[in-house]
Amino acid sequence: MDTIFLREFKLDVVIGVYDWERTLPQTIQLDLEIGLPHSRAGKTDRVEDTIDYAAIVGRIRETLSERQFALVEALAEHVADLIRSEFGSPWVRLTVAKLGLFHGIKQLGVSIERGERV
């Protein structure tokens, strides 16, 4: 299976369980690997034969500006579902990390994998 990837995609979102976390947006980082439903783009050189990563970036920005989450796990599940349902990806692996939330911890977060590699 061919995949496309996005690394160190940073966004400011309202997320957190604790009241103090929800007072201001926090910077999160997404790292994504997205399985392609077919592998024709390498031969055809046409964006129609792949998943348009610019469309994915725009859609993630849009949906995360509209929603708030308590848990990084829920945010990760939402993004994975969005990519699979709206873009037709059979498989996605993603990591969601909060950056610099606690002194001495650079990142904390979750990694998930959904779907099947074909």
PDB file of N, CA and C in Angstrom:
ATOM      1  N   MET A   1       0.838  -1.175   0.000  1.00  0.00           N
ATOM      2  CA  MET A   1       0.000   0.000   0.000  1.00  0.00           C
ATOM      3  C   MET A   1       0.885   1.240   0.000  1.00  0.00           C
ATOM      4  N   ASP A   2       0.538   2.187  -0.843  1.00  0.00           N
ATOM      5  CA  ASP A   2       1.211   3.472  -0.826  1.00  0.00           C
ATOM      6  C   ASP A   2       0.579   4.341   0.243  1.00  0.00           C
ATOM      7  N   THR A   3       1.383   5.197   0.830  1.00  0.00           N
ATOM      8  CA  THR A   3       0.876   6.121   1.840  1.00  0.00           C
ATOM      9  C   THR A   3       1.391   7.521   1.552  1.00  0.00           C
ATOM     10  N   ILE A   4       0.634   8.502   2.006  1.00  0.00           N
ATOM     11  CA  ILE A   4       1.132   9.863   2.062  1.00  0.00           C
ATOM     12  C   ILE A   4       1.288  10.195   3.536  1.00  0.00           C
ATOM     13  N   PHE A   5       2.151  11.148   3.847  1.00  0.00           N
ATOM     14  CA  PHE A   5       2.331  11.486   5.252  1.00  0.00           C
ATOM     15  C   PHE A   5       2.398  12.990   5.438  1.00  0.00           C
ATOM     16  N   LEU A   6       1.994  13.412   6.616  1.00  0.00           N
ATOM     17  CA  LEU A   6       2.113  14.794   7.059  1.00  0.00           C
ATOM     18  C   LEU A   6       2.811  14.745   8.408  1.00  0.00           C
ATOM     19  N   ARG A   7       3.884  15.471   8.555  1.00  0.00           N
ATOM     20  CA  ARG A   7       4.661  15.464   9.786  1.00  0.00           C
ATOM     21  C   ARG A   7       4.657  16.860  10.412  1.00  0.00           C
ATOM     22  N   GLU A   8       4.584  16.879  11.723  1.00  0.00           N
ATOM     23  CA  GLU A   8       4.670  18.105  12.498  1.00  0.00           C
ATOM     24  C   GLU A   8       3.651  19.158  12.063  1.00  0.00           C
ATOM     25  N   PHE A   9       2.426  18.714  11.833  1.00  0.00           N
ATOM     26  CA  PHE A   9       1.300  19.586  11.504  1.00  0.00           C
ATOM     27  C   PHE A   9       0.817  20.191  12.821  1.00  0.00           C
ATOM     28  N   LYS A  10       1.042  21.480  13.005  1.00  0.00           N
ATOM     29  CA  LYS A  10       0.730  22.127  14.283  1.00  0.00           C
ATOM     30  C   LYS A  10      -0.519  22.984  14.176  1.00  0.00           C
ATOM     31  N   LEU A  11      -1.346  22.879  15.216  1.00  0.00           N
ATOM     32  CA  LEU A  11      -2.588  23.636  15.302  1.00  0.00           C
ATOM     33  C   LEU A  11      -2.796  24.098  16.736  1.00  0.00           C
ATOM     34  N   ASP A  12      -3.494  25.198  16.895  1.00  0.00           N
ATOM     35  CA  ASP A  12      -3.906  25.651  18.217  1.00  0.00           C
ATOM     36  C   ASP A  12      -5.372  25.293  18.403  1.00  0.00           C
ATOM     37  N   VAL A  13      -5.645  24.499  19.438  1.00  0.00           N
ATOM     38  CA  VAL A  13      -7.007  24.025  19.710  1.00  0.00           C
ATOM     39  C   VAL A  13      -7.299  24.120  21.208  1.00  0.00           C
ATOM     40  N   VAL A  14      -8.591  24.185  21.517  1.00  0.00           N
ATOM     41  CA  VAL A  14      -9.010  24.095  22.914  1.00  0.00           C
ATOM     42  C   VAL A  14      -9.205  22.620  23.219  1.00  0.00           C
ATOM     43  N   ILE A  15      -8.405  22.117  24.147  1.00  0.00           N
ATOM     44  CA  ILE A  15      -8.459  20.705  24.506  1.00  0.00           C
ATOM     45  C   ILE A  15      -8.009  20.544  25.944  1.00  0.00           C
ATOM     46  N   GLY A  16      -8.643  19.632  26.648  1.00  0.00           N
ATOM     47  CA  GLY A  16      -8.188  19.345  27.995  1.00  0.00           C
ATOM     48  C   GLY A  16      -9.318  18.935  28.911  1.00  0.00           C
ATOM     49  N   VAL A  17      -8.954  18.225  29.945  1.00  0.00           N
ATOM     50  CA  VAL A  17      -9.893  17.765  30.959  1.00  0.00           C
ATOM     51  C   VAL A  17     -10.057  18.821  32.045  1.00  0.00           C
ATOM     52  N   TYR A  18      -8.971  19.481  32.359  1.00  0.00           N
ATOM     53  CA  TYR A  18      -8.964  20.416  33.485  1.00  0.00           C
ATOM     54  C   TYR A  18      -9.365  21.820  33.032  1.00  0.00           C
ATOM     55  N   ASP A  19     -10.021  22.547  33.918  1.00  0.00           N
ATOM     56  CA  ASP A  19     -10.472  23.907  33.601  1.00  0.00           C
ATOM     57  C   ASP A  19      -9.313  24.788  33.146  1.00  0.00           C
ATOM     58  N   TRP A  20      -8.155  24.666  33.817  1.00  0.00           N
ATOM     59  CA  TRP A  20      -7.023  25.512  33.460  1.00  0.00           C
ATOM     60  C   TRP A  20      -6.512  25.233  32.048  1.00  0.00           C
ATOM     61  N   GLU A  21      -6.751  24.015  31.533  1.00  0.00           N
ATOM     62  CA  GLU A  21      -6.332  23.683  30.169  1.00  0.00           C
ATOM     63  C   GLU A  21      -7.243  24.324  29.128  1.00  0.00           C
ATOM     64  N   ARG A  22      -8.472  24.589  29.502  1.00  0.00           N
ATOM     65  CA  ARG A  22      -9.472  25.055  28.551  1.00  0.00           C
ATOM     66  C   ARG A  22      -9.596  26.578  28.514  1.00  0.00           C
ATOM     67  N   THR A  23      -8.710  27.287  29.232  1.00  0.00           N
ATOM     68  CA  THR A  23      -8.802  28.747  29.243  1.00  0.00           C
ATOM     69  C   THR A  23      -8.246  29.374  27.970  1.00  0.00           C
ATOM     70  N   LEU A  24      -7.226  28.744  27.381  1.00  0.00           N
ATOM     71  CA  LEU A  24      -6.601  29.240  26.154  1.00  0.00           C
ATOM     72  C   LEU A  24      -6.323  28.064  25.221  1.00  0.00           C
ATOM     73  N   PRO A  25      -6.292  28.332  23.918  1.00  0.00           N
ATOM     74  CA  PRO A  25      -5.905  27.250  23.001  1.00  0.00           C
ATOM     75  C   PRO A  25      -4.495  26.753  23.291  1.00  0.00           C
ATOM     76  N   GLN A  26      -4.299  25.460  23.069  1.00  0.00           N
ATOM     77  CA  GLN A  26      -2.992  24.825  23.227  1.00  0.00           C
ATOM     78  C   GLN A  26      -2.504  24.381  21.854  1.00  0.00           C
ATOM     79  N   THR A  27      -1.201  24.382  21.681  1.00  0.00           N
ATOM     80  CA  THR A  27      -0.636  23.893  20.435  1.00  0.00           C
ATOM     81  C   THR A  27      -0.540  22.372  20.504  1.00  0.00           C
ATOM     82  N   ILE A  28      -1.094  21.734  19.485  1.00  0.00           N
ATOM     83  CA  ILE A  28      -0.949  20.292  19.327  1.00  0.00           C
ATOM     84  C   ILE A  28      -0.181  20.026  18.043  1.00  0.00           C
ATOM     85  N   GLN A  29       0.373  18.837  17.962  1.00  0.00           N
ATOM     86  CA  GLN A  29       1.068  18.417  16.748  1.00  0.00           C
ATOM     87  C   GLN A  29       0.472  17.106  16.274  1.00  0.00           C
ATOM     88  N   LEU A  30       0.160  17.043  14.989  1.00  0.00           N
ATOM     89  CA  LEU A  30      -0.332  15.821  14.360  1.00  0.00           C
ATOM     90  C   LEU A  30       0.755  15.281  13.438  1.00  0.00           C
ATOM     91  N   ASP A  31       0.966  13.984  13.505  1.00  0.00           N
ATOM     92  CA  ASP A  31       1.798  13.271  12.542  1.00  0.00           C
ATOM     93  C   ASP A  31       0.911  12.182  11.961  1.00  0.00           C
ATOM     94  N   LEU A  32       0.746  12.205  10.644  1.00  0.00           N
ATOM     95  CA  LEU A  32      -0.191  11.293   9.995  1.00  0.00           C
ATOM     96  C   LEU A  32       0.473  10.476   8.900  1.00  0.00           C
ATOM     97  N   GLU A  33       0.050   9.215   8.791  1.00  0.00           N
ATOM     98  CA  GLU A  33       0.332   8.367   7.638  1.00  0.00           C
ATOM     99  C   GLU A  33      -1.031   7.927   7.129  1.00  0.00           C
ATOM    100  N   ILE A  34      -1.263   8.130   5.845  1.00  0.00           N
ATOM    101  CA  ILE A  34      -2.587   7.913   5.265  1.00  0.00           C
ATOM    102  C   ILE A  34      -2.461   6.943   4.096  1.00  0.00           C
ATOM    103  N   GLY A  35      -3.124   5.807   4.210  1.00  0.00           N
ATOM    104  CA  GLY A  35      -3.099   4.818   3.139  1.00  0.00           C
ATOM    105  C   GLY A  35      -3.915   5.277   1.952  1.00  0.00           C
ATOM    106  N   LEU A  36      -3.374   5.067   0.774  1.00  0.00           N
ATOM    107  CA  LEU A  36      -4.088   5.438  -0.452  1.00  0.00           C
ATOM    108  C   LEU A  36      -4.965   4.281  -0.914  1.00  0.00           C
ATOM    109  N   PRO A  37      -6.184   4.578  -1.336  1.00  0.00           N
ATOM    110  CA  PRO A  37      -7.089   3.508  -1.765  1.00  0.00           C
ATOM    111  C   PRO A  37      -6.639   2.832  -3.063  1.00  0.00           C
ATOM    112  N   HIS A  38      -5.817   3.515  -3.839  1.00  0.00           N
ATOM    113  CA  HIS A  38      -5.251   2.941  -5.059  1.00  0.00           C
ATOM    114  C   HIS A  38      -3.923   3.648  -5.310  1.00  0.00           C
ATOM    115  N   SER A  39      -3.128   3.136  -6.201  1.00  0.00           N
ATOM    116  CA  SER A  39      -1.766   3.641  -6.385  1.00  0.00           C
ATOM    117  C   SER A  39      -1.510   4.106  -7.811  1.00  0.00           C
ATOM    118  N   ARG A  40      -2.471   4.745  -8.427  1.00  0.00           N
ATOM    119  CA  ARG A  40      -2.305   5.155  -9.828  1.00  0.00           C
ATOM    120  C   ARG A  40      -1.551   6.467 -10.010  1.00  0.00           C
ATOM    121  N   ALA A  41      -1.487   7.321  -8.988  1.00  0.00           N
ATOM    122  CA  ALA A  41      -0.941   8.667  -9.154  1.00  0.00           C
ATOM    123  C   ALA A  41       0.515   8.657  -9.616  1.00  0.00           C
ATOM    124  N   GLY A  42       1.294   7.675  -9.185  1.00  0.00           N
ATOM    125  CA  GLY A  42       2.683   7.595  -9.619  1.00  0.00           C
ATOM    126  C   GLY A  42       2.829   7.397 -11.114  1.00  0.00           C
ATOM    127  N   LYS A  43       1.833   6.782 -11.726  1.00  0.00           N
ATOM    128  CA  LYS A  43       1.854   6.544 -13.173  1.00  0.00           C
ATOM    129  C   LYS A  43       1.166   7.657 -13.950  1.00  0.00           C
ATOM    130  N   THR A  44       0.073   8.194 -13.377  1.00  0.00           N
ATOM    131  CA  THR A  44      -0.705   9.184 -14.122  1.00  0.00           C
ATOM    132  C   THR A  44      -0.283  10.623 -13.848  1.00  0.00           C
ATOM    133  N   ASP A  45       0.347  10.874 -12.688  1.00  0.00           N
ATOM    134  CA  ASP A  45       0.762  12.217 -12.284  1.00  0.00           C
ATOM    135  C   ASP A  45      -0.438  13.155 -12.167  1.00  0.00           C
ATOM    136  N   ARG A  46      -1.570  12.600 -11.730  1.00  0.00           N
ATOM    137  CA  ARG A  46      -2.808  13.388 -11.584  1.00  0.00           C
ATOM    138  C   ARG A  46      -3.270  13.347 -10.132  1.00  0.00           C
ATOM    139  N   VAL A  47      -3.612  14.510  -9.596  1.00  0.00           N
ATOM    140  CA  VAL A  47      -4.077  14.585  -8.210  1.00  0.00           C
ATOM    141  C   VAL A  47      -5.383  13.815  -8.019  1.00  0.00           C
ATOM    142  N   GLU A  48      -6.154  13.677  -9.082  1.00  0.00           N
ATOM    143  CA  GLU A  48      -7.412  12.923  -9.001  1.00  0.00           C
ATOM    144  C   GLU A  48      -7.179  11.448  -8.690  1.00  0.00           C
ATOM    145  N   ASP A  49      -5.959  10.962  -8.893  1.00  0.00           N
ATOM    146  CA  ASP A  49      -5.640   9.563  -8.663  1.00  0.00           C
ATOM    147  C   ASP A  49      -4.938   9.319  -7.327  1.00  0.00           C
ATOM    148  N   THR A  50      -5.080  10.267  -6.429  1.00  0.00           N
ATOM    149  CA  THR A  50      -4.518  10.131  -5.092  1.00  0.00           C
ATOM    150  C   THR A  50      -5.449  10.838  -4.111  1.00  0.00           C
ATOM    151  N   ILE A  51      -5.017  10.989  -2.878  1.00  0.00           N
ATOM    152  CA  ILE A  51      -5.741  11.804  -1.903  1.00  0.00           C
ATOM    153  C   ILE A  51      -5.022  13.139  -1.827  1.00  0.00           C
ATOM    154  N   ASP A  52      -5.754  14.203  -2.019  1.00  0.00           N
ATOM    155  CA  ASP A  52      -5.205  15.552  -2.031  1.00  0.00           C
ATOM    156  C   ASP A  52      -4.854  15.975  -0.605  1.00  0.00           C
ATOM    157  N   TYR A  53      -3.566  16.035  -0.291  1.00  0.00           N
ATOM    158  CA  TYR A  53      -3.162  16.349   1.083  1.00  0.00           C
ATOM    159  C   TYR A  53      -3.544  17.771   1.476  1.00  0.00           C
ATOM    160  N   ALA A  54      -3.615  18.694   0.515  1.00  0.00           N
ATOM    161  CA  ALA A  54      -4.048  20.061   0.839  1.00  0.00           C
ATOM    162  C   ALA A  54      -5.506  20.061   1.303  1.00  0.00           C
ATOM    163  N   ALA A  55      -6.326  19.215   0.698  1.00  0.00           N
ATOM    164  CA  ALA A  55      -7.726  19.100   1.120  1.00  0.00           C
ATOM    165  C   ALA A  55      -7.821  18.507   2.525  1.00  0.00           C
ATOM    166  N   ILE A  56      -6.957  17.542   2.824  1.00  0.00           N
ATOM    167  CA  ILE A  56      -6.939  16.953   4.168  1.00  0.00           C
ATOM    168  C   ILE A  56      -6.545  18.009   5.202  1.00  0.00           C
ATOM    169  N   VAL A  57      -5.502  18.757   4.932  1.00  0.00           N
ATOM    170  CA  VAL A  57      -5.061  19.795   5.857  1.00  0.00           C
ATOM    171  C   VAL A  57      -6.181  20.810   6.095  1.00  0.00           C
ATOM    172  N   GLY A  58      -6.817  21.248   5.025  1.00  0.00           N
ATOM    173  CA  GLY A  58      -7.906  22.214   5.158  1.00  0.00           C
ATOM    174  C   GLY A  58      -9.069  21.669   5.962  1.00  0.00           C
ATOM    175  N   ARG A  59      -9.415  20.428   5.720  1.00  0.00           N
ATOM    176  CA  ARG A  59     -10.553  19.820   6.433  1.00  0.00           C
ATOM    177  C   ARG A  59     -10.241  19.614   7.909  1.00  0.00           C
ATOM    178  N   ILE A  60      -9.024  19.195   8.234  1.00  0.00           N
ATOM    179  CA  ILE A  60      -8.643  19.043   9.641  1.00  0.00           C
ATOM    180  C   ILE A  60      -8.662  20.397  10.335  1.00  0.00           C
ATOM    181  N   ARG A  61      -8.096  21.415   9.702  1.00  0.00           N
ATOM    182  CA  ARG A  61      -8.132  22.764  10.296  1.00  0.00           C
ATOM    183  C   ARG A  61      -9.573  23.197  10.565  1.00  0.00           C
ATOM    184  N   GLU A  62     -10.431  22.981   9.584  1.00  0.00           N
ATOM    185  CA  GLU A  62     -11.833  23.387   9.709  1.00  0.00           C
ATOM    186  C   GLU A  62     -12.530  22.668  10.866  1.00  0.00           C
ATOM    187  N   THR A  63     -12.437  21.362  10.894  1.00  0.00           N
ATOM    188  CA  THR A  63     -13.177  20.605  11.900  1.00  0.00           C
ATOM    189  C   THR A  63     -12.646  20.843  13.309  1.00  0.00           C
ATOM    190  N   LEU A  64     -11.314  21.019  13.453  1.00  0.00           N
ATOM    191  CA  LEU A  64     -10.767  21.244  14.791  1.00  0.00           C
ATOM    192  C   LEU A  64     -10.985  22.670  15.275  1.00  0.00           C
ATOM    193  N   SER A  65     -11.310  23.588  14.367  1.00  0.00           N
ATOM    194  CA  SER A  65     -11.678  24.939  14.798  1.00  0.00           C
ATOM    195  C   SER A  65     -13.135  24.981  15.270  1.00  0.00           C
ATOM    196  N   GLU A  66     -13.921  24.012  14.846  1.00  0.00           N
ATOM    197  CA  GLU A  66     -15.344  23.960  15.202  1.00  0.00           C
ATOM    198  C   GLU A  66     -15.639  23.116  16.434  1.00  0.00           C
ATOM    199  N   ARG A  67     -14.731  22.206  16.792  1.00  0.00           N
ATOM    200  CA  ARG A  67     -14.980  21.261  17.880  1.00  0.00           C
ATOM    201  C   ARG A  67     -13.957  21.403  18.987  1.00  0.00           C
ATOM    202  N   GLN A  68     -14.368  21.021  20.173  1.00  0.00           N
ATOM    203  CA  GLN A  68     -13.464  20.966  21.312  1.00  0.00           C
ATOM    204  C   GLN A  68     -13.496  19.556  21.873  1.00  0.00           C
ATOM    205  N   PHE A  69     -12.372  19.132  22.406  1.00  0.00           N
ATOM    206  CA  PHE A  69     -12.248  17.788  22.962  1.00  0.00           C
ATOM    207  C   PHE A  69     -11.652  17.870  24.353  1.00  0.00           C
ATOM    208  N   ALA A  70     -12.038  16.937  25.194  1.00  0.00           N
ATOM    209  CA  ALA A  70     -11.415  16.812  26.504  1.00  0.00           C
ATOM    210  C   ALA A  70     -10.124  15.999  26.382  1.00  0.00           C
ATOM    211  N   LEU A  71     -10.148  14.949  25.571  1.00  0.00           N
ATOM    212  CA  LEU A  71      -9.043  13.994  25.498  1.00  0.00           C
ATOM    213  C   LEU A  71      -8.380  13.974  24.126  1.00  0.00           C
ATOM    214  N   VAL A  72      -7.055  13.806  24.123  1.00  0.00           N
ATOM    215  CA  VAL A  72      -6.348  13.651  22.846  1.00  0.00           C
ATOM    216  C   VAL A  72      -6.805  12.373  22.145  1.00  0.00           C
ATOM    217  N   GLU A  73      -7.212  11.366  22.913  1.00  0.00           N
ATOM    218  CA  GLU A  73      -7.717  10.123  22.313  1.00  0.00           C
ATOM    219  C   GLU A  73      -8.955  10.380  21.459  1.00  0.00           C
ATOM    220  N   ALA A  74      -9.859  11.218  21.950  1.00  0.00           N
ATOM    221  CA  ALA A  74     -11.084  11.536  21.206  1.00  0.00           C
ATOM    222  C   ALA A  74     -10.773  12.370  19.971  1.00  0.00           C
ATOM    223  N   LEU A  75      -9.847  13.304  20.099  1.00  0.00           N
ATOM    224  CA  LEU A  75      -9.441  14.101  18.948  1.00  0.00           C
ATOM    225  C   LEU A  75      -8.816  13.205  17.880  1.00  0.00           C
ATOM    226  N   ALA A  76      -7.949  12.289  18.283  1.00  0.00           N
ATOM    227  CA  ALA A  76      -7.313  11.368  17.333  1.00  0.00           C
ATOM    228  C   ALA A  76      -8.350  10.510  16.623  1.00  0.00           C
ATOM    229  N   GLU A  77      -9.299   9.986  17.369  1.00  0.00           N
ATOM    230  CA  GLU A  77     -10.352   9.150  16.767  1.00  0.00           C
ATOM    231  C   GLU A  77     -11.164   9.951  15.761  1.00  0.00           C
ATOM    232  N   HIS A  78     -11.480  11.190  16.093  1.00  0.00           N
ATOM    233  CA  HIS A  78     -12.244  12.062  15.195  1.00  0.00           C
ATOM    234  C   HIS A  78     -11.486  12.282  13.879  1.00  0.00           C
ATOM    235  N   VAL A  79     -10.198  12.594  13.971  1.00  0.00           N
ATOM    236  CA  VAL A  79      -9.408  12.843  12.759  1.00  0.00           C
ATOM    237  C   VAL A  79      -9.279  11.568  11.929  1.00  0.00           C
ATOM    238  N   ALA A  80      -9.042  10.441  12.569  1.00  0.00           N
ATOM    239  CA  ALA A  80      -8.937   9.170  11.835  1.00  0.00           C
ATOM    240  C   ALA A  80     -10.246   8.852  11.114  1.00  0.00           C
ATOM    241  N   ASP A  81     -11.359   9.019  11.795  1.00  0.00           N
ATOM    242  CA  ASP A  81     -12.670   8.773  11.171  1.00  0.00           C
ATOM    243  C   ASP A  81     -12.907   9.707   9.984  1.00  0.00           C
ATOM    244  N   LEU A  82     -12.546  10.963  10.152  1.00  0.00           N
ATOM    245  CA  LEU A  82     -12.723  11.951   9.086  1.00  0.00           C
ATOM    246  C   LEU A  82     -11.937  11.547   7.838  1.00  0.00           C
ATOM    247  N   ILE A  83     -10.680  11.181   8.016  1.00  0.00           N
ATOM    248  CA  ILE A  83      -9.833  10.818   6.877  1.00  0.00           C
ATOM    249  C   ILE A  83     -10.360   9.572   6.178  1.00  0.00           C
ATOM    250  N   ARG A  84     -10.766   8.601   6.952  1.00  0.00           N
ATOM    251  CA  ARG A  84     -11.266   7.361   6.336  1.00  0.00           C
ATOM    252  C   ARG A  84     -12.617   7.574   5.658  1.00  0.00           C
ATOM    253  N   SER A  85     -13.516   8.312   6.290  1.00  0.00           N
ATOM    254  CA  SER A  85     -14.862   8.452   5.727  1.00  0.00           C
ATOM    255  C   SER A  85     -14.938   9.484   4.601  1.00  0.00           C
ATOM    256  N   GLU A  86     -14.272  10.612   4.758  1.00  0.00           N
ATOM    257  CA  GLU A  86     -14.396  11.673   3.766  1.00  0.00           C
ATOM    258  C   GLU A  86     -13.403  11.557   2.606  1.00  0.00           C
ATOM    259  N   PHE A  87     -12.275  10.897   2.832  1.00  0.00           N
ATOM    260  CA  PHE A  87     -11.251  10.825   1.794  1.00  0.00           C
ATOM    261  C   PHE A  87     -11.022   9.410   1.273  1.00  0.00           C
ATOM    262  N   GLY A  88     -11.728   8.439   1.815  1.00  0.00           N
ATOM    263  CA  GLY A  88     -11.664   7.084   1.296  1.00  0.00           C
ATOM    264  C   GLY A  88     -10.407   6.314   1.615  1.00  0.00           C
ATOM    265  N   SER A  89      -9.664   6.750   2.613  1.00  0.00           N
ATOM    266  CA  SER A  89      -8.449   6.035   2.976  1.00  0.00           C
ATOM    267  C   SER A  89      -8.805   4.726   3.682  1.00  0.00           C
ATOM    268  N   PRO A  90      -8.201   3.606   3.270  1.00  0.00           N
ATOM    269  CA  PRO A  90      -8.484   2.334   3.936  1.00  0.00           C
ATOM    270  C   PRO A  90      -7.765   2.174   5.275  1.00  0.00           C
ATOM    271  N   TRP A  91      -6.721   3.025   5.506  1.00  0.00           N
ATOM    272  CA  TRP A  91      -5.896   2.869   6.700  1.00  0.00           C
ATOM    273  C   TRP A  91      -5.279   4.210   7.061  1.00  0.00           C
ATOM    274  N   VAL A  92      -5.209   4.480   8.347  1.00  0.00           N
ATOM    275  CA  VAL A  92      -4.560   5.696   8.813  1.00  0.00           C
ATOM    276  C   VAL A  92      -3.855   5.421  10.141  1.00  0.00           C
ATOM    277  N   ARG A  93      -2.692   5.999  10.294  1.00  0.00           N
ATOM    278  CA  ARG A  93      -1.972   5.980  11.574  1.00  0.00           C
ATOM    279  C   ARG A  93      -1.694   7.442  11.915  1.00  0.00           C
ATOM    280  N   LEU A  94      -2.015   7.818  13.155  1.00  0.00           N
ATOM    281  CA  LEU A  94      -1.742   9.186  13.527  1.00  0.00           C
ATOM    282  C   LEU A  94      -1.351   9.305  14.984  1.00  0.00           C
ATOM    283  N   THR A  95      -0.561  10.331  15.230  1.00  0.00           N
ATOM    284  CA  THR A  95      -0.145  10.689  16.577  1.00  0.00           C
ATOM    285  C   THR A  95      -0.628  12.104  16.833  1.00  0.00           C
ATOM    286  N   VAL A  96      -1.226  12.295  17.998  1.00  0.00           N
ATOM    287  CA  VAL A  96      -1.616  13.614  18.457  1.00  0.00           C
ATOM    288  C   VAL A  96      -0.805  13.892  19.711  1.00  0.00           C
ATOM    289  N   ALA A  97      -0.090  15.010  19.714  1.00  0.00           N
ATOM    290  CA  ALA A  97       0.740  15.364  20.866  1.00  0.00           C
ATOM    291  C   ALA A  97       0.436  16.790  21.310  1.00  0.00           C
ATOM    292  N   LYS A  98       0.281  16.970  22.622  1.00  0.00           N
ATOM    293  CA  LYS A  98       0.256  18.296  23.210  1.00  0.00           C
ATOM    294  C   LYS A  98       1.713  18.698  23.411  1.00  0.00           C
ATOM    295  N   LEU A  99       2.015  19.955  23.130  1.00  0.00           N
ATOM    296  CA  LEU A  99       3.402  20.411  23.185  1.00  0.00           C
ATOM    297  C   LEU A  99       3.627  21.298  24.408  1.00  0.00           C
ATOM    298  N   GLY A 100       4.642  20.953  25.188  1.00  0.00           N
ATOM    299  CA  GLY A 100       5.069  21.793  26.294  1.00  0.00           C
ATOM    300  C   GLY A 100       4.031  22.049  27.365  1.00  0.00           C
ATOM    301  N   LEU A 101       3.145  21.099  27.588  1.00  0.00           N
ATOM    302  CA  LEU A 101       2.088  21.308  28.578  1.00  0.00           C
ATOM    303  C   LEU A 101       2.637  21.308  30.003  1.00  0.00           C
ATOM    304  N   PHE A 102       3.567  20.404  30.279  1.00  0.00           N
ATOM    305  CA  PHE A 102       4.155  20.303  31.608  1.00  0.00           C
ATOM    306  C   PHE A 102       5.654  20.566  31.534  1.00  0.00           C
ATOM    307  N   HIS A 103       6.167  21.201  32.552  1.00  0.00           N
ATOM    308  CA  HIS A 103       7.600  21.479  32.624  1.00  0.00           C
ATOM    309  C   HIS A 103       8.382  20.158  32.531  1.00  0.00           C
ATOM    310  N   GLY A 104       9.367  20.140  31.649  1.00  0.00           N
ATOM    311  CA  GLY A 104      10.217  18.972  31.498  1.00  0.00           C
ATOM    312  C   GLY A 104       9.676  17.903  30.558  1.00  0.00           C
ATOM    313  N   ILE A 105       8.498  18.125  29.993  1.00  0.00           N
ATOM    314  CA  ILE A 105       7.930  17.159  29.039  1.00  0.00           C
ATOM    315  C   ILE A 105       7.708  17.889  27.717  1.00  0.00           C
ATOM    316  N   LYS A 106       8.431  17.482  26.700  1.00  0.00           N
ATOM    317  CA  LYS A 106       8.346  18.135  25.394  1.00  0.00           C
ATOM    318  C   LYS A 106       7.005  17.844  24.708  1.00  0.00           C
ATOM    319  N   GLN A 107       6.584  16.581  24.738  1.00  0.00           N
ATOM    320  CA  GLN A 107       5.328  16.166  24.101  1.00  0.00           C
ATOM    321  C   GLN A 107       4.661  15.103  24.947  1.00  0.00           C
ATOM    322  N   LEU A 108       3.321  15.110  24.940  1.00  0.00           N
ATOM    323  CA  LEU A 108       2.566  13.984  25.486  1.00  0.00           C
ATOM    324  C   LEU A 108       1.362  13.787  24.594  1.00  0.00           C
ATOM    325  N   GLY A 109       0.948  12.536  24.445  1.00  0.00           N
ATOM    326  CA  GLY A 109      -0.157  12.314  23.535  1.00  0.00           C
ATOM    327  C   GLY A 109      -0.476  10.856  23.333  1.00  0.00           C
ATOM    328  N   VAL A 110      -1.018  10.561  22.155  1.00  0.00           N
ATOM    329  CA  VAL A 110      -1.490   9.226  21.831  1.00  0.00           C
ATOM    330  C   VAL A 110      -1.226   8.935  20.353  1.00  0.00           C
ATOM    331  N   SER A 111      -0.984   7.673  20.053  1.00  0.00           N
ATOM    332  CA  SER A 111      -0.878   7.205  18.665  1.00  0.00           C
ATOM    333  C   SER A 111      -1.954   6.147  18.443  1.00  0.00           C
ATOM    334  N   ILE A 112      -2.640   6.244  17.311  1.00  0.00           N
ATOM    335  CA  ILE A 112      -3.648   5.240  16.969  1.00  0.00           C
ATOM    336  C   ILE A 112      -3.464   4.809  15.520  1.00  0.00           C
ATOM    337  N   GLU A 113      -3.995   3.649  15.215  1.00  0.00           N
ATOM    338  CA  GLU A 113      -4.003   3.111  13.853  1.00  0.00           C
ATOM    339  C   GLU A 113      -5.393   2.561  13.617  1.00  0.00           C
ATOM    340  N   ARG A 114      -6.016   2.932  12.501  1.00  0.00           N
ATOM    341  CA  ARG A 114      -7.365   2.481  12.182  1.00  0.00           C
ATOM    342  C   ARG A 114      -7.406   1.972  10.751  1.00  0.00           C
ATOM    343  N   GLY A 115      -8.228   0.959  10.527  1.00  0.00           N
ATOM    344  CA  GLY A 115      -8.385   0.389   9.194  1.00  0.00           C
ATOM    345  C   GLY A 115      -7.416  -0.737   8.960  1.00  0.00           C
ATOM    346  N   GLU A 116      -7.361  -1.156   7.697  1.00  0.00           N
ATOM    347  CA  GLU A 116      -6.490  -2.260   7.320  1.00  0.00           C
ATOM    348  C   GLU A 116      -5.595  -1.853   6.172  1.00  0.00           C
ATOM    349  N   ARG A 117      -4.343  -2.230   6.296  1.00  0.00           N
ATOM    350  CA  ARG A 117      -3.402  -2.005   5.199  1.00  0.00           C
ATOM    351  C   ARG A 117      -3.712  -3.018   4.101  1.00  0.00           C
ATOM    352  N   VAL A 118      -3.818  -2.535   2.904  1.00  0.00           N
ATOM    353  CA  VAL A 118      -4.121  -3.433   1.767  1.00  0.00           C
ATOM    354  C   VAL A 118      -2.977  -3.455   0.792  1.00  0.00           C
TER     355      VAL A 118
END
